[in-house]
Protein backbone atom coordinates (compact mmCIF):
# COMPACT_ATOMS: atom_id res chain seq x y z
CA MET A 1 -29.98 94.87 -63.06
CA ASN A 2 -31.18 96.45 -66.29
CA ARG A 3 -32.87 93.99 -68.61
CA ALA A 4 -33.63 95.06 -72.14
CA LYS A 5 -36.75 92.99 -72.83
CA ASP A 6 -39.95 92.06 -71.00
CA THR A 7 -41.10 88.45 -71.45
CA LEU A 8 -39.79 85.41 -73.28
CA ILE A 9 -41.85 82.28 -73.80
CA LEU A 10 -39.29 79.51 -74.18
CA GLY A 11 -40.38 76.09 -75.41
CA ILE A 12 -37.89 73.39 -74.48
CA GLY A 13 -37.73 69.85 -75.83
CA ASN A 14 -36.62 67.55 -78.57
CA TYR A 15 -39.12 67.93 -81.40
CA LEU A 16 -38.03 64.59 -82.87
CA MET A 17 -38.95 62.59 -79.75
CA GLY A 18 -42.73 62.83 -79.65
CA ASP A 19 -44.25 64.11 -76.41
CA GLU A 20 -40.82 65.14 -75.13
CA GLY A 21 -41.03 68.01 -77.63
CA ILE A 22 -44.22 69.56 -76.16
CA GLY A 23 -42.39 72.79 -75.31
CA VAL A 24 -41.32 73.25 -78.93
CA HIS A 25 -44.85 72.46 -80.15
CA ILE A 26 -46.27 75.11 -77.79
CA ALA A 27 -43.68 77.66 -78.99
CA ASN A 28 -44.68 76.94 -82.59
CA VAL A 29 -48.37 77.50 -81.76
CA LEU A 30 -47.72 80.70 -79.80
CA GLU A 31 -45.54 82.18 -82.56
CA LYS A 32 -48.73 82.37 -84.67
CA GLU A 33 -50.86 83.93 -81.91
CA GLN A 34 -51.49 87.59 -81.14
CA LEU A 35 -49.51 88.21 -77.95
CA PRO A 36 -49.06 91.36 -75.87
CA ALA A 37 -46.34 93.83 -76.83
CA GLY A 38 -43.00 92.97 -75.29
CA VAL A 39 -43.54 89.19 -75.49
CA ASP A 40 -41.20 87.08 -77.62
CA VAL A 41 -41.40 83.34 -78.34
CA LEU A 42 -38.41 81.05 -78.85
CA ASP A 43 -37.98 77.37 -79.72
CA GLY A 44 -35.22 76.56 -77.23
CA GLY A 45 -34.66 73.04 -78.50
CA THR A 46 -32.96 70.84 -75.93
CA GLY A 47 -31.79 73.72 -73.78
CA GLY A 48 -28.29 74.17 -72.54
CA PHE A 49 -25.92 77.01 -71.88
CA TYR A 50 -26.51 78.64 -75.26
CA LEU A 51 -29.81 79.86 -73.76
CA LEU A 52 -28.00 81.77 -71.00
CA ASP A 53 -28.02 85.03 -72.99
CA TYR A 54 -31.82 84.91 -73.29
CA PHE A 55 -32.24 84.56 -69.53
CA GLU A 56 -29.95 87.53 -69.03
CA ILE A 57 -31.87 89.95 -71.26
CA TYR A 58 -35.48 89.15 -70.29
CA LYS A 59 -37.15 90.23 -67.06
CA HIS A 60 -39.57 87.28 -67.18
CA VAL A 61 -39.14 83.86 -68.78
CA ILE A 62 -42.01 81.42 -69.23
CA LEU A 63 -40.58 77.94 -69.80
CA VAL A 64 -42.60 75.05 -71.23
CA ASP A 65 -41.21 71.54 -70.94
CA ALA A 66 -42.10 67.88 -70.61
CA THR A 67 -41.41 65.90 -67.47
CA LEU A 68 -41.35 62.25 -66.43
CA ASP A 69 -42.73 62.92 -62.95
CA GLY A 70 -45.10 59.98 -62.52
CA ASN A 71 -48.26 62.10 -62.82
CA PRO A 72 -50.91 61.05 -65.35
CA PRO A 73 -49.90 62.00 -68.90
CA GLY A 74 -51.23 65.44 -69.82
CA THR A 75 -51.04 66.82 -66.27
CA ILE A 76 -50.02 70.48 -66.44
CA ARG A 77 -48.31 72.12 -63.49
CA MET A 78 -46.89 75.59 -63.09
CA ILE A 79 -43.80 75.96 -60.91
CA LYS A 80 -41.98 79.15 -59.97
CA PRO A 81 -38.43 77.79 -59.68
CA ARG A 82 -35.89 79.95 -57.91
CA PHE A 83 -33.23 77.28 -57.51
CA ALA A 84 -32.14 74.28 -59.59
CA SER A 85 -33.60 72.03 -56.89
CA ASP A 86 -37.07 73.51 -57.56
CA PHE A 87 -37.27 71.73 -60.92
CA PRO A 88 -39.12 68.42 -61.03
CA PRO A 89 -36.83 65.48 -60.28
CA ALA A 90 -37.08 63.94 -63.76
CA MET A 91 -36.95 66.69 -66.38
CA SER A 92 -36.86 64.54 -69.51
CA THR A 93 -33.74 64.31 -71.71
CA HIS A 94 -32.24 67.73 -70.93
CA ASP A 95 -32.64 67.80 -67.15
CA ILE A 96 -29.01 68.54 -66.39
CA GLY A 97 -28.78 71.41 -68.88
CA LEU A 98 -31.68 73.40 -67.42
CA LYS A 99 -30.65 72.80 -63.83
CA ASP A 100 -27.09 73.81 -64.64
CA LEU A 101 -28.36 76.88 -66.46
CA VAL A 102 -30.39 78.00 -63.44
CA SER A 103 -27.41 77.39 -61.16
CA ALA A 104 -25.23 79.53 -63.44
CA LEU A 105 -27.81 82.33 -63.41
CA GLN A 106 -27.84 82.25 -59.61
CA VAL A 107 -24.06 82.41 -59.39
CA LEU A 108 -23.98 85.30 -61.86
CA GLY A 109 -26.80 87.11 -60.04
CA LYS A 110 -28.82 87.29 -63.25
CA MET A 111 -31.87 85.21 -62.41
CA PRO A 112 -35.04 86.55 -64.10
CA GLU A 113 -38.54 85.80 -62.87
CA ILE A 114 -39.30 82.29 -64.14
CA ASP A 115 -42.62 80.52 -64.56
CA LEU A 116 -42.20 76.89 -65.60
CA PHE A 117 -45.09 74.98 -67.13
CA VAL A 118 -44.37 71.26 -67.04
CA VAL A 119 -46.45 68.68 -68.87
CA SER A 120 -46.33 65.13 -67.55
CA ILE A 121 -45.59 62.57 -70.23
CA GLU A 122 -45.63 58.79 -70.03
CA SER A 123 -42.36 58.10 -71.82
CA ILE A 124 -39.89 59.48 -74.28
CA GLN A 125 -40.65 58.17 -77.74
CA GLN A 126 -37.54 57.42 -79.74
CA GLN A 127 -38.60 58.96 -83.03
CA GLY A 128 -41.44 60.99 -84.40
CA ILE A 129 -42.65 64.57 -84.41
CA GLU A 130 -46.27 63.73 -83.60
CA LEU A 131 -47.62 64.19 -80.10
CA THR A 132 -49.71 61.40 -78.59
CA GLU A 133 -53.45 62.01 -78.55
CA THR A 134 -53.40 62.77 -74.81
CA ILE A 135 -50.65 65.38 -75.04
CA ALA A 136 -52.00 66.92 -78.26
CA GLY A 137 -55.35 67.26 -76.48
CA ILE A 138 -53.93 69.52 -73.75
CA VAL A 139 -52.21 71.96 -76.17
CA PRO A 140 -55.18 74.40 -76.30
CA GLN A 141 -55.49 74.35 -72.50
CA LEU A 142 -51.77 75.02 -72.02
CA VAL A 143 -51.77 77.82 -74.61
CA ASN A 144 -54.75 79.37 -72.78
CA ARG A 145 -53.00 79.12 -69.39
CA ILE A 146 -49.93 80.87 -70.79
CA LYS A 147 -52.07 83.62 -72.32
CA CYS A 148 -53.89 84.06 -68.98
CA LEU A 149 -50.54 84.38 -67.19
CA LEU A 150 -49.44 87.01 -69.72
CA LYS A 151 -52.72 88.89 -69.22
CA GLU A 152 -52.37 88.76 -65.43
CA ASN A 153 -48.80 90.09 -65.66
CA ASP A 154 -49.87 92.79 -68.11
CA GLU A 155 -52.73 93.90 -65.85
CA SER A 156 -50.56 93.96 -62.74
CA ILE A 157 -48.10 96.25 -64.55
CA ALA A 158 -50.87 98.50 -65.90
CA GLU A 159 -52.67 98.96 -62.57
CA PRO A 160 -51.18 101.65 -60.36
CA SER A 161 -49.91 100.36 -57.08
CA ILE A 162 -51.26 101.73 -53.80
CA LEU A 163 -47.96 103.60 -53.35
CA ASN A 164 -48.50 105.47 -56.59
CA LEU A 165 -51.98 106.55 -55.45
CA ILE A 166 -50.76 108.22 -52.29
CA THR A 167 -49.91 111.84 -52.94
CA ALA A 168 -48.19 114.24 -50.64
CA PRO A 169 -50.34 117.06 -49.18
């Protein structure tokens, strides 16, 4: 399949519900950063099928989201989901939308490479745009991990593969 764009960093979450909006906070930080060419950043809000078009046009999507997975708050994990069942069991307030979206991409045969960064949160606050101290404290670390992933991907594209080094006599 021909995809028009390289990489999308997609922050998911409800900005008005405290830590649940970590993905949106990360997108807002990364929009102000110097990123490699071909990398776009999007505040995906609470997800859903309106994001389907973005998954169809990018080769690589880096998702950032909160999760209620029982790990200590501020735990960052990276998952490479290929199926809806690969998502953590308790993906905050928009769990069904993302899982349904991935299922639709599979059915349509349009699944890009996905890297999902999940941040464990303690609970979903009912109102407020501020992150708790614990979650706010991991923002620089998460931004750095995303930038490292982008750099690794950029270097793997730039380095010639062993097949390209073999020349015919």
